[in-house]
Amino acid sequence: MNGGGDLKVCGKRPNRKWTMGIRSPRRKGAIYKSGTLWMECFALVTSGDYERFRDVDGVRYSHIVDPRTGKTASAGVAGVTVVGSDATLAD
């Protein structure tokens, strides 16, 4: 099930892993293979500054927060992905 950046995956794949891909935040149409998982049921949540942002005086501010500072993430952070057991918690 895909909820606009939040993905819930459930199901057995005894002979192969789940393979995930994440859209590039800077290269339109590019998909990056993010890894493989043996888990039977998991959530994959991705968010990036390419969806929600505001440009102020040539600086891009997004809704991604740096947990160390509590401020908008910067220094080239374009997106973040979290894998967990629950999509709501991961989001």
PDB file of N, CA and C in Angstrom:
ATOM      1  N   MET A   1       0.848  -1.169   0.000  1.00  0.00           N
ATOM      2  CA  MET A   1       0.000   0.000   0.000  1.00  0.00           C
ATOM      3  C   MET A   1       0.895   1.235   0.000  1.00  0.00           C
ATOM      4  N   ASN A   2       0.627   2.179  -0.874  1.00  0.00           N
ATOM      5  CA  ASN A   2       1.409   3.404  -0.970  1.00  0.00           C
ATOM      6  C   ASN A   2       0.535   4.589  -0.588  1.00  0.00           C
ATOM      7  N   GLY A   3       0.982   5.369   0.374  1.00  0.00           N
ATOM      8  CA  GLY A   3       0.234   6.535   0.834  1.00  0.00           C
ATOM      9  C   GLY A   3       0.996   7.815   0.580  1.00  0.00           C
ATOM     10  N   GLY A   4       1.451   8.042  -0.636  1.00  0.00           N
ATOM     11  CA  GLY A   4       2.128   9.286  -0.979  1.00  0.00           C
ATOM     12  C   GLY A   4       3.445   9.480  -0.254  1.00  0.00           C
ATOM     13  N   GLY A   5       4.342   8.544  -0.354  1.00  0.00           N
ATOM     14  CA  GLY A   5       5.632   8.632   0.323  1.00  0.00           C
ATOM     15  C   GLY A   5       5.734   7.684   1.493  1.00  0.00           C
ATOM     16  N   ASP A   6       4.588   7.186   1.964  1.00  0.00           N
ATOM     17  CA  ASP A   6       4.559   6.197   3.052  1.00  0.00           C
ATOM     18  C   ASP A   6       4.141   4.865   2.448  1.00  0.00           C
ATOM     19  N   LEU A   7       4.984   3.873   2.578  1.00  0.00           N
ATOM     20  CA  LEU A   7       4.735   2.574   1.961  1.00  0.00           C
ATOM     21  C   LEU A   7       4.679   1.499   3.028  1.00  0.00           C
ATOM     22  N   LYS A   8       3.616   0.686   3.030  1.00  0.00           N
ATOM     23  CA  LYS A   8       3.483  -0.448   3.949  1.00  0.00           C
ATOM     24  C   LYS A   8       3.557  -1.708   3.103  1.00  0.00           C
ATOM     25  N   VAL A   9       4.459  -2.597   3.474  1.00  0.00           N
ATOM     26  CA  VAL A   9       4.683  -3.828   2.719  1.00  0.00           C
ATOM     27  C   VAL A   9       4.469  -5.015   3.641  1.00  0.00           C
ATOM     28  N   CYS A  10       3.632  -5.952   3.217  1.00  0.00           N
ATOM     29  CA  CYS A  10       3.414  -7.188   3.979  1.00  0.00           C
ATOM     30  C   CYS A  10       3.290  -8.345   3.002  1.00  0.00           C
ATOM     31  N   GLY A  11       3.888  -9.432   3.350  1.00  0.00           N
ATOM     32  CA  GLY A  11       3.790 -10.619   2.522  1.00  0.00           C
ATOM     33  C   GLY A  11       5.070 -11.420   2.546  1.00  0.00           C
ATOM     34  N   LYS A  12       4.932 -12.722   2.465  1.00  0.00           N
ATOM     35  CA  LYS A  12       6.090 -13.611   2.483  1.00  0.00           C
ATOM     36  C   LYS A  12       6.695 -13.699   1.095  1.00  0.00           C
ATOM     37  N   ARG A  13       8.014 -13.679   1.052  1.00  0.00           N
ATOM     38  CA  ARG A  13       8.779 -13.884  -0.179  1.00  0.00           C
ATOM     39  C   ARG A  13       9.887 -14.865   0.168  1.00  0.00           C
ATOM     40  N   PRO A  14       9.594 -16.146   0.251  1.00  0.00           N
ATOM     41  CA  PRO A  14      10.559 -17.116   0.772  1.00  0.00           C
ATOM     42  C   PRO A  14      11.832 -17.254  -0.052  1.00  0.00           C
ATOM     43  N   ASN A  15      11.776 -16.968  -1.323  1.00  0.00           N
ATOM     44  CA  ASN A  15      12.949 -17.186  -2.176  1.00  0.00           C
ATOM     45  C   ASN A  15      13.710 -15.922  -2.549  1.00  0.00           C
ATOM     46  N   ARG A  16      13.189 -14.754  -2.164  1.00  0.00           N
ATOM     47  CA  ARG A  16      13.893 -13.516  -2.494  1.00  0.00           C
ATOM     48  C   ARG A  16      13.486 -12.388  -1.554  1.00  0.00           C
ATOM     49  N   LYS A  17      14.350 -11.376  -1.486  1.00  0.00           N
ATOM     50  CA  LYS A  17      14.130 -10.243  -0.608  1.00  0.00           C
ATOM     51  C   LYS A  17      13.222  -9.208  -1.280  1.00  0.00           C
ATOM     52  N   TRP A  18      12.651  -8.319  -0.466  1.00  0.00           N
ATOM     53  CA  TRP A  18      11.972  -7.143  -0.991  1.00  0.00           C
ATOM     54  C   TRP A  18      13.055  -6.171  -1.450  1.00  0.00           C
ATOM     55  N   THR A  19      12.908  -5.598  -2.634  1.00  0.00           N
ATOM     56  CA  THR A  19      13.847  -4.613  -3.146  1.00  0.00           C
ATOM     57  C   THR A  19      13.135  -3.271  -3.197  1.00  0.00           C
ATOM     58  N   MET A  20      13.762  -2.254  -2.614  1.00  0.00           N
ATOM     59  CA  MET A  20      13.158  -0.926  -2.544  1.00  0.00           C
ATOM     60  C   MET A  20      13.927   0.052  -3.412  1.00  0.00           C
ATOM     61  N   GLY A  21      13.222   1.013  -3.974  1.00  0.00           N
ATOM     62  CA  GLY A  21      13.837   2.096  -4.725  1.00  0.00           C
ATOM     63  C   GLY A  21      13.277   3.422  -4.257  1.00  0.00           C
ATOM     64  N   ILE A  22      14.108   4.457  -4.267  1.00  0.00           N
ATOM     65  CA  ILE A  22      13.700   5.783  -3.825  1.00  0.00           C
ATOM     66  C   ILE A  22      13.967   6.782  -4.949  1.00  0.00           C
ATOM     67  N   ARG A  23      12.980   7.635  -5.212  1.00  0.00           N
ATOM     68  CA  ARG A  23      13.106   8.648  -6.246  1.00  0.00           C
ATOM     69  C   ARG A  23      14.198   9.657  -5.888  1.00  0.00           C
ATOM     70  N   SER A  24      14.986  10.016  -6.874  1.00  0.00           N
ATOM     71  CA  SER A  24      16.032  11.014  -6.662  1.00  0.00           C
ATOM     72  C   SER A  24      15.397  12.381  -6.441  1.00  0.00           C
ATOM     73  N   PRO A  25      15.829  13.103  -5.429  1.00  0.00           N
ATOM     74  CA  PRO A  25      15.280  14.433  -5.205  1.00  0.00           C
ATOM     75  C   PRO A  25      15.788  15.476  -6.200  1.00  0.00           C
ATOM     76  N   ARG A  26      16.853  15.203  -6.902  1.00  0.00           N
ATOM     77  CA  ARG A  26      17.447  16.191  -7.801  1.00  0.00           C
ATOM     78  C   ARG A  26      17.435  15.793  -9.277  1.00  0.00           C
ATOM     79  N   ARG A  27      17.389  14.505  -9.567  1.00  0.00           N
ATOM     80  CA  ARG A  27      17.413  14.043 -10.967  1.00  0.00           C
ATOM     81  C   ARG A  27      16.046  13.501 -11.334  1.00  0.00           C
ATOM     82  N   LYS A  28      15.275  14.282 -12.072  1.00  0.00           N
ATOM     83  CA  LYS A  28      13.915  13.914 -12.447  1.00  0.00           C
ATOM     84  C   LYS A  28      13.892  12.559 -13.148  1.00  0.00           C
ATOM     85  N   GLY A  29      13.027  11.670 -12.648  1.00  0.00           N
ATOM     86  CA  GLY A  29      12.871  10.350 -13.233  1.00  0.00           C
ATOM     87  C   GLY A  29      13.864   9.305 -12.752  1.00  0.00           C
ATOM     88  N   ALA A  30      14.876   9.705 -12.011  1.00  0.00           N
ATOM     89  CA  ALA A  30      15.892   8.757 -11.538  1.00  0.00           C
ATOM     90  C   ALA A  30      15.412   8.049 -10.280  1.00  0.00           C
ATOM     91  N   ILE A  31      15.629   6.747 -10.224  1.00  0.00           N
ATOM     92  CA  ILE A  31      15.287   5.939  -9.056  1.00  0.00           C
ATOM     93  C   ILE A  31      16.570   5.291  -8.549  1.00  0.00           C
ATOM     94  N   TYR A  32      16.799   5.403  -7.247  1.00  0.00           N
ATOM     95  CA  TYR A  32      17.968   4.782  -6.635  1.00  0.00           C
ATOM     96  C   TYR A  32      17.544   3.535  -5.886  1.00  0.00           C
ATOM     97  N   LYS A  33      18.271   2.444  -6.111  1.00  0.00           N
ATOM     98  CA  LYS A  33      18.027   1.225  -5.344  1.00  0.00           C
ATOM     99  C   LYS A  33      18.523   1.474  -3.928  1.00  0.00           C
ATOM    100  N   SER A  34      17.606   1.408  -2.978  1.00  0.00           N
ATOM    101  CA  SER A  34      17.980   1.767  -1.611  1.00  0.00           C
ATOM    102  C   SER A  34      18.401   0.570  -0.781  1.00  0.00           C
ATOM    103  N   GLY A  35      18.076  -0.618  -1.223  1.00  0.00           N
ATOM    104  CA  GLY A  35      18.485  -1.778  -0.449  1.00  0.00           C
ATOM    105  C   GLY A  35      17.481  -2.908  -0.544  1.00  0.00           C
ATOM    106  N   THR A  36      17.791  -3.986   0.153  1.00  0.00           N
ATOM    107  CA  THR A  36      16.904  -5.143   0.185  1.00  0.00           C
ATOM    108  C   THR A  36      16.628  -5.518   1.635  1.00  0.00           C
ATOM    109  N   LEU A  37      15.441  -6.066   1.862  1.00  0.00           N
ATOM    110  CA  LEU A  37      15.015  -6.433   3.214  1.00  0.00           C
ATOM    111  C   LEU A  37      14.411  -7.826   3.225  1.00  0.00           C
ATOM    112  N   TRP A  38      14.718  -8.591   4.282  1.00  0.00           N
ATOM    113  CA  TRP A  38      14.136  -9.912   4.458  1.00  0.00           C
ATOM    114  C   TRP A  38      12.861  -9.857   5.298  1.00  0.00           C
ATOM    115  N   MET A  39      12.539  -8.720   5.846  1.00  0.00           N
ATOM    116  CA  MET A  39      11.389  -8.593   6.743  1.00  0.00           C
ATOM    117  C   MET A  39      10.092  -8.963   6.020  1.00  0.00           C
ATOM    118  N   GLU A  40       9.162  -9.550   6.746  1.00  0.00           N
ATOM    119  CA  GLU A  40       7.889  -9.962   6.152  1.00  0.00           C
ATOM    120  C   GLU A  40       6.905  -8.802   6.085  1.00  0.00           C
ATOM    121  N   CYS A  41       6.968  -7.888   7.038  1.00  0.00           N
ATOM    122  CA  CYS A  41       6.035  -6.774   7.086  1.00  0.00           C
ATOM    123  C   CYS A  41       6.775  -5.547   7.631  1.00  0.00           C
ATOM    124  N   PHE A  42       6.773  -4.461   6.859  1.00  0.00           N
ATOM    125  CA  PHE A  42       7.499  -3.276   7.292  1.00  0.00           C
ATOM    126  C   PHE A  42       6.932  -2.036   6.607  1.00  0.00           C
ATOM    127  N   ALA A  43       7.322  -0.880   7.110  1.00  0.00           N
ATOM    128  CA  ALA A  43       6.946   0.399   6.514  1.00  0.00           C
ATOM    129  C   ALA A  43       8.203   1.101   6.032  1.00  0.00           C
ATOM    130  N   LEU A  44       8.109   1.756   4.893  1.00  0.00           N
ATOM    131  CA  LEU A  44       9.189   2.543   4.330  1.00  0.00           C
ATOM    132  C   LEU A  44       8.615   3.931   4.077  1.00  0.00           C
ATOM    133  N   VAL A  45       9.149   4.934   4.755  1.00  0.00           N
ATOM    134  CA  VAL A  45       8.612   6.293   4.681  1.00  0.00           C
ATOM    135  C   VAL A  45       9.706   7.229   4.179  1.00  0.00           C
ATOM    136  N   THR A  46       9.409   7.962   3.109  1.00  0.00           N
ATOM    137  CA  THR A  46      10.367   8.889   2.518  1.00  0.00           C
ATOM    138  C   THR A  46       9.748  10.274   2.416  1.00  0.00           C
ATOM    139  N   SER A  47      10.551  11.268   2.689  1.00  0.00           N
ATOM    140  CA  SER A  47      10.111  12.655   2.554  1.00  0.00           C
ATOM    141  C   SER A  47      11.287  13.470   2.050  1.00  0.00           C
ATOM    142  N   GLY A  48      11.009  14.473   1.209  1.00  0.00           N
ATOM    143  CA  GLY A  48      12.099  15.263   0.675  1.00  0.00           C
ATOM    144  C   GLY A  48      11.742  16.722   0.465  1.00  0.00           C
ATOM    145  N   ASP A  49      12.764  17.532   0.284  1.00  0.00           N
ATOM    146  CA  ASP A  49      12.535  18.954   0.079  1.00  0.00           C
ATOM    147  C   ASP A  49      12.044  19.269  -1.327  1.00  0.00           C
ATOM    148  N   TYR A  50      11.922  18.270  -2.179  1.00  0.00           N
ATOM    149  CA  TYR A  50      11.410  18.452  -3.527  1.00  0.00           C
ATOM    150  C   TYR A  50       9.889  18.470  -3.561  1.00  0.00           C
ATOM    151  N   GLU A  51       9.238  18.084  -2.478  1.00  0.00           N
ATOM    152  CA  GLU A  51       7.778  18.085  -2.399  1.00  0.00           C
ATOM    153  C   GLU A  51       7.247  19.290  -1.629  1.00  0.00           C
ATOM    154  N   ARG A  52       7.838  19.566  -0.482  1.00  0.00           N
ATOM    155  CA  ARG A  52       7.377  20.667   0.369  1.00  0.00           C
ATOM    156  C   ARG A  52       8.567  21.556   0.707  1.00  0.00           C
ATOM    157  N   PHE A  53       8.536  22.764   0.195  1.00  0.00           N
ATOM    158  CA  PHE A  53       9.631  23.687   0.481  1.00  0.00           C
ATOM    159  C   PHE A  53       9.181  25.116   0.198  1.00  0.00           C
ATOM    160  N   ARG A  54       9.992  26.036   0.642  1.00  0.00           N
ATOM    161  CA  ARG A  54       9.776  27.455   0.375  1.00  0.00           C
ATOM    162  C   ARG A  54      11.139  28.076   0.110  1.00  0.00           C
ATOM    163  N   ASP A  55      11.228  28.852  -0.971  1.00  0.00           N
ATOM    164  CA  ASP A  55      12.452  29.586  -1.266  1.00  0.00           C
ATOM    165  C   ASP A  55      12.335  30.991  -0.690  1.00  0.00           C
ATOM    166  N   VAL A  56      13.300  31.359   0.138  1.00  0.00           N
ATOM    167  CA  VAL A  56      13.355  32.703   0.712  1.00  0.00           C
ATOM    168  C   VAL A  56      14.742  33.276   0.420  1.00  0.00           C
ATOM    169  N   ASP A  57      14.775  34.336  -0.361  1.00  0.00           N
ATOM    170  CA  ASP A  57      16.036  34.992  -0.720  1.00  0.00           C
ATOM    171  C   ASP A  57      17.056  34.002  -1.274  1.00  0.00           C
ATOM    172  N   GLY A  58      16.585  33.083  -2.122  1.00  0.00           N
ATOM    173  CA  GLY A  58      17.474  32.124  -2.765  1.00  0.00           C
ATOM    174  C   GLY A  58      17.871  30.929  -1.914  1.00  0.00           C
ATOM    175  N   VAL A  59      17.319  30.818  -0.714  1.00  0.00           N
ATOM    176  CA  VAL A  59      17.617  29.686   0.171  1.00  0.00           C
ATOM    177  C   VAL A  59      16.374  28.805   0.260  1.00  0.00           C
ATOM    178  N   ARG A  60      16.548  27.502   0.082  1.00  0.00           N
ATOM    179  CA  ARG A  60      15.430  26.555   0.155  1.00  0.00           C
ATOM    180  C   ARG A  60      15.253  26.079   1.586  1.00  0.00           C
ATOM    181  N   TYR A  61      14.054  26.243   2.095  1.00  0.00           N
ATOM    182  CA  TYR A  61      13.692  25.755   3.428  1.00  0.00           C
ATOM    183  C   TYR A  61      12.633  24.675   3.257  1.00  0.00           C
ATOM    184  N   SER A  62      12.848  23.535   3.908  1.00  0.00           N
ATOM    185  CA  SER A  62      11.906  22.429   3.763  1.00  0.00           C
ATOM    186  C   SER A  62      11.292  22.060   5.106  1.00  0.00           C
ATOM    187  N   HIS A  63      10.416  21.068   5.061  1.00  0.00           N
ATOM    188  CA  HIS A  63       9.762  20.572   6.274  1.00  0.00           C
ATOM    189  C   HIS A  63      10.585  19.484   6.969  1.00  0.00           C
ATOM    190  N   ILE A  64      11.772  19.169   6.439  1.00  0.00           N
ATOM    191  CA  ILE A  64      12.640  18.178   7.074  1.00  0.00           C
ATOM    192  C   ILE A  64      13.401  18.876   8.195  1.00  0.00           C
ATOM    193  N   VAL A  65      13.322  18.315   9.391  1.00  0.00           N
ATOM    194  CA  VAL A  65      13.921  18.936  10.570  1.00  0.00           C
ATOM    195  C   VAL A  65      15.156  18.156  11.004  1.00  0.00           C
ATOM    196  N   ASP A  66      16.227  18.880  11.307  1.00  0.00           N
ATOM    197  CA  ASP A  66      17.435  18.277  11.863  1.00  0.00           C
ATOM    198  C   ASP A  66      17.169  18.029  13.344  1.00  0.00           C
ATOM    199  N   PRO A  67      17.135  16.770  13.792  1.00  0.00           N
ATOM    200  CA  PRO A  67      16.793  16.482  15.189  1.00  0.00           C
ATOM    201  C   PRO A  67      17.809  17.028  16.195  1.00  0.00           C
ATOM    202  N   ARG A  68      19.013  17.324  15.718  1.00  0.00           N
ATOM    203  CA  ARG A  68      20.033  17.873  16.626  1.00  0.00           C
ATOM    204  C   ARG A  68      19.779  19.338  16.963  1.00  0.00           C
ATOM    205  N   THR A  69      19.174  20.069  16.012  1.00  0.00           N
ATOM    206  CA  THR A  69      18.985  21.505  16.217  1.00  0.00           C
ATOM    207  C   THR A  69      17.530  21.919  16.337  1.00  0.00           C
ATOM    208  N   GLY A  70      16.621  21.096  15.802  1.00  0.00           N
ATOM    209  CA  GLY A  70      15.206  21.466  15.775  1.00  0.00           C
ATOM    210  C   GLY A  70      14.873  22.447  14.674  1.00  0.00           C
ATOM    211  N   LYS A  71      15.852  22.723  13.799  1.00  0.00           N
ATOM    212  CA  LYS A  71      15.654  23.667  12.703  1.00  0.00           C
ATOM    213  C   LYS A  71      15.595  22.915  11.378  1.00  0.00           C
ATOM    214  N   THR A  72      15.206  23.643  10.332  1.00  0.00           N
ATOM    215  CA  THR A  72      15.162  23.057   9.003  1.00  0.00           C
ATOM    216  C   THR A  72      16.530  22.482   8.639  1.00  0.00           C
ATOM    217  N   ALA A  73      16.527  21.262   8.133  1.00  0.00           N
ATOM    218  CA  ALA A  73      17.774  20.608   7.739  1.00  0.00           C
ATOM    219  C   ALA A  73      18.411  21.370   6.580  1.00  0.00           C
ATOM    220  N   SER A  74      19.728  21.403   6.587  1.00  0.00           N
ATOM    221  CA  SER A  74      20.438  22.090   5.512  1.00  0.00           C
ATOM    222  C   SER A  74      21.663  21.271   5.141  1.00  0.00           C
ATOM    223  N   ALA A  75      22.655  21.907   4.600  1.00  0.00           N
ATOM    224  CA  ALA A  75      23.922  21.260   4.225  1.00  0.00           C
ATOM    225  C   ALA A  75      23.706  20.122   3.247  1.00  0.00           C
ATOM    226  N   GLY A  76      22.868  20.352   2.235  1.00  0.00           N
ATOM    227  CA  GLY A  76      22.690  19.366   1.188  1.00  0.00           C
ATOM    228  C   GLY A  76      21.733  18.242   1.495  1.00  0.00           C
ATOM    229  N   VAL A  77      20.996  18.310   2.605  1.00  0.00           N
ATOM    230  CA  VAL A  77      20.012  17.272   2.914  1.00  0.00           C
ATOM    231  C   VAL A  77      18.791  17.491   2.025  1.00  0.00           C
ATOM    232  N   ALA A  78      18.553  16.558   1.110  1.00  0.00           N
ATOM    233  CA  ALA A  78      17.439  16.693   0.181  1.00  0.00           C
ATOM    234  C   ALA A  78      16.285  15.771   0.532  1.00  0.00           C
ATOM    235  N   GLY A  79      16.565  14.730   1.317  1.00  0.00           N
ATOM    236  CA  GLY A  79      15.510  13.788   1.672  1.00  0.00           C
ATOM    237  C   GLY A  79      15.960  12.862   2.773  1.00  0.00           C
ATOM    238  N   VAL A  80      14.987  12.178   3.327  1.00  0.00           N
ATOM    239  CA  VAL A  80      15.263  11.215   4.397  1.00  0.00           C
ATOM    240  C   VAL A  80      14.294  10.043   4.253  1.00  0.00           C
ATOM    241  N   THR A  81      14.788   8.846   4.552  1.00  0.00           N
ATOM    242  CA  THR A  81      13.963   7.632   4.501  1.00  0.00           C
ATOM    243  C   THR A  81      14.106   6.879   5.804  1.00  0.00           C
ATOM    244  N   VAL A  82      12.975   6.409   6.322  1.00  0.00           N
ATOM    245  CA  VAL A  82      12.940   5.662   7.571  1.00  0.00           C
ATOM    246  C   VAL A  82      12.271   4.317   7.318  1.00  0.00           C
ATOM    247  N   VAL A  83      12.847   3.237   7.833  1.00  0.00           N
ATOM    248  CA  VAL A  83      12.249   1.901   7.775  1.00  0.00           C
ATOM    249  C   VAL A  83      11.857   1.523   9.193  1.00  0.00           C
ATOM    250  N   GLY A  84      10.627   1.054   9.360  1.00  0.00           N
ATOM    251  CA  GLY A  84      10.161   0.647  10.683  1.00  0.00           C
ATOM    252  C   GLY A  84       9.009  -0.325  10.570  1.00  0.00           C
ATOM    253  N   SER A  85       8.469  -0.707  11.684  1.00  0.00           N
ATOM    254  CA  SER A  85       7.361  -1.665  11.691  1.00  0.00           C
ATOM    255  C   SER A  85       6.012  -0.979  11.479  1.00  0.00           C
ATOM    256  N   ASP A  86       5.935   0.340  11.723  1.00  0.00           N
ATOM    257  CA  ASP A  86       4.685   1.069  11.663  1.00  0.00           C
ATOM    258  C   ASP A  86       4.879   2.355  10.860  1.00  0.00           C
ATOM    259  N   ALA A  87       4.057   2.564   9.819  1.00  0.00           N
ATOM    260  CA  ALA A  87       4.219   3.734   8.959  1.00  0.00           C
ATOM    261  C   ALA A  87       3.922   5.029   9.686  1.00  0.00           C
ATOM    262  N   THR A  88       2.953   5.039  10.569  1.00  0.00           N
ATOM    263  CA  THR A  88       2.626   6.262  11.307  1.00  0.00           C
ATOM    264  C   THR A  88       3.782   6.685  12.196  1.00  0.00           C
ATOM    265  N   LEU A  89       4.365   5.740  12.898  1.00  0.00           N
ATOM    266  CA  LEU A  89       5.497   6.040  13.767  1.00  0.00           C
ATOM    267  C   LEU A  89       6.712   6.478  12.948  1.00  0.00           C
ATOM    268  N   ALA A  90       6.976   5.797  11.832  1.00  0.00           N
ATOM    269  CA  ALA A  90       8.118   6.141  10.990  1.00  0.00           C
ATOM    270  C   ALA A  90       7.935   7.534  10.381  1.00  0.00           C
ATOM    271  N   ASP A  91       6.706   7.896  10.041  1.00  0.00           N
ATOM    272  CA  ASP A  91       6.431   9.207   9.468  1.00  0.00           C
ATOM    273  C   ASP A  91       6.695  10.292  10.476  1.00  0.00           C
TER     274      ASP A  91
END
